Amino acid sequence: MGRIGSAGGAQASVDVQVDERGDATVTVAGELDVSNVDELAAMVEPLLDKQPARVRFDVHGLDFMDSSGIALFLRVAARVGAVQLLNPTSIVRRIVTSTGLADVLPMEP
């Protein structure tokens, strides 16, 4: 598990797992915003280079996310077959639903 963010800015922990098919699950906990989203993008980029069919983001521990987090999820969705948000917190669910992106960023459960 890695950490992203700096003192005074948003901080999050990130864990990346890849299954035998090459599909990735990225677990993000803490806060995700413009101050640390580029660090998460840098961690995800090597996964995208392998062209997985699906990337899952487990966001059960995400306490805060701004539009830069949504933008990252959309960039990933544009490069892979599917993106899925697992265990979304109420804040993540509200952002995805209110922006009309639930079809592009399906949530489970």
Protein backbone atom coordinates (compact mmCIF):
# COMPACT_ATOMS: atom_id res chain seq x y z
CA MET A 1 0.00 0.00 0.00
CA GLY A 2 1.35 3.41 -0.95
CA ARG A 3 0.60 6.93 0.19
CA ILE A 4 -0.09 9.96 -1.98
CA GLY A 5 -0.32 13.59 -1.00
CA SER A 6 1.81 16.02 0.91
CA ALA A 7 1.69 17.81 4.21
CA GLY A 8 -1.00 20.45 4.09
CA GLY A 9 -2.75 18.84 1.12
CA ALA A 10 -5.08 15.90 0.68
CA GLN A 11 -3.62 12.54 1.59
CA ALA A 12 -4.70 9.07 0.62
CA SER A 13 -3.54 5.50 0.73
CA VAL A 14 -3.51 3.49 -2.47
CA ASP A 15 -3.24 -0.24 -3.05
CA VAL A 16 -3.09 -1.81 -6.51
CA GLN A 17 -3.87 -5.46 -7.17
CA VAL A 18 -3.88 -7.19 -10.56
CA ASP A 19 -5.67 -10.51 -11.02
CA GLU A 20 -4.63 -13.41 -13.25
CA ARG A 21 -6.60 -11.93 -16.21
CA GLY A 22 -4.77 -8.62 -15.90
CA ASP A 23 -7.77 -6.73 -14.51
CA ALA A 24 -6.79 -4.25 -11.83
CA THR A 25 -8.38 -3.22 -8.56
CA VAL A 26 -7.16 0.10 -7.18
CA THR A 27 -8.18 0.74 -3.58
CA VAL A 28 -8.17 4.41 -2.60
CA ALA A 29 -8.82 5.63 0.94
CA GLY A 30 -8.60 9.12 2.43
CA GLU A 31 -8.98 12.23 0.32
CA LEU A 32 -8.60 12.60 -3.45
CA ASP A 33 -8.43 16.06 -4.95
CA VAL A 34 -6.45 18.27 -7.30
CA SER A 35 -3.48 18.26 -4.90
CA ASN A 36 -2.84 14.50 -5.16
CA VAL A 37 -4.77 13.16 -8.16
CA ASP A 38 -1.70 13.35 -10.43
CA GLU A 39 0.13 11.00 -8.07
CA LEU A 40 -2.72 8.50 -8.32
CA ALA A 41 -2.75 8.89 -12.10
CA ALA A 42 0.99 8.09 -12.16
CA MET A 43 0.33 4.91 -10.18
CA VAL A 44 -2.49 3.85 -12.52
CA GLU A 45 -0.67 4.64 -15.78
CA PRO A 46 1.46 1.45 -15.84
CA LEU A 47 -1.73 -0.59 -15.48
CA LEU A 48 -3.28 1.14 -18.48
CA ASP A 49 -0.21 0.45 -20.59
CA LYS A 50 -1.06 -3.26 -20.22
CA GLN A 51 -4.53 -2.58 -21.68
CA PRO A 52 -6.70 -4.38 -19.12
CA ALA A 53 -10.31 -5.12 -20.01
CA ARG A 54 -11.45 -3.61 -16.72
CA VAL A 55 -10.18 -1.42 -13.89
CA ARG A 56 -12.03 -1.38 -10.60
CA PHE A 57 -11.64 1.42 -8.08
CA ASP A 58 -12.55 0.33 -4.56
CA VAL A 59 -13.51 3.64 -2.98
CA HIS A 60 -15.01 2.39 0.30
CA GLY A 61 -12.51 4.40 2.33
CA LEU A 62 -12.69 7.61 0.30
CA ASP A 63 -13.78 10.41 2.64
CA PHE A 64 -13.57 13.23 0.10
CA MET A 65 -13.25 13.54 -3.66
CA ASP A 66 -13.50 16.57 -5.92
CA SER A 67 -14.04 16.73 -9.66
CA SER A 68 -10.41 15.85 -10.37
CA GLY A 69 -11.11 12.34 -9.04
CA ILE A 70 -14.08 11.99 -11.39
CA ALA A 71 -11.94 13.27 -14.25
CA LEU A 72 -9.31 10.61 -13.53
CA PHE A 73 -11.94 7.85 -13.48
CA LEU A 74 -13.27 9.12 -16.83
CA ARG A 75 -9.77 9.21 -18.37
CA VAL A 76 -9.25 5.61 -17.28
CA ALA A 77 -12.66 4.62 -18.68
CA ALA A 78 -11.71 6.14 -22.03
CA ARG A 79 -8.62 3.91 -22.21
CA VAL A 80 -9.98 0.57 -21.00
CA GLY A 81 -13.07 -1.49 -21.70
CA ALA A 82 -14.77 -0.74 -18.38
CA VAL A 83 -14.33 1.09 -15.10
CA GLN A 84 -16.29 0.12 -12.03
CA LEU A 85 -16.51 1.87 -8.68
CA LEU A 86 -16.73 -0.64 -5.85
CA ASN A 87 -18.27 0.10 -2.46
CA PRO A 88 -18.79 3.83 -3.06
CA THR A 89 -19.19 6.04 -0.04
CA SER A 90 -22.20 8.34 0.05
CA ILE A 91 -20.09 11.27 -1.18
CA VAL A 92 -18.78 9.31 -4.18
CA ARG A 93 -22.25 7.97 -4.99
CA ARG A 94 -23.73 11.48 -4.80
CA ILE A 95 -21.06 12.97 -7.10
CA VAL A 96 -21.37 10.25 -9.73
CA THR A 97 -25.17 10.27 -9.66
CA SER A 98 -25.56 14.05 -9.68
CA THR A 99 -23.20 14.43 -12.64
CA GLY A 100 -25.14 11.86 -14.65
CA LEU A 101 -22.12 9.57 -14.98
CA ALA A 102 -23.54 6.40 -13.42
CA ASP A 103 -23.67 4.69 -16.84
CA VAL A 104 -20.00 5.42 -17.55
CA LEU A 105 -18.87 4.82 -13.94
CA PRO A 106 -21.13 2.02 -12.70
CA MET A 107 -21.13 1.48 -8.95
CA GLU A 108 -21.39 -1.77 -7.04
CA PRO A 109 -23.21 -2.22 -4.72
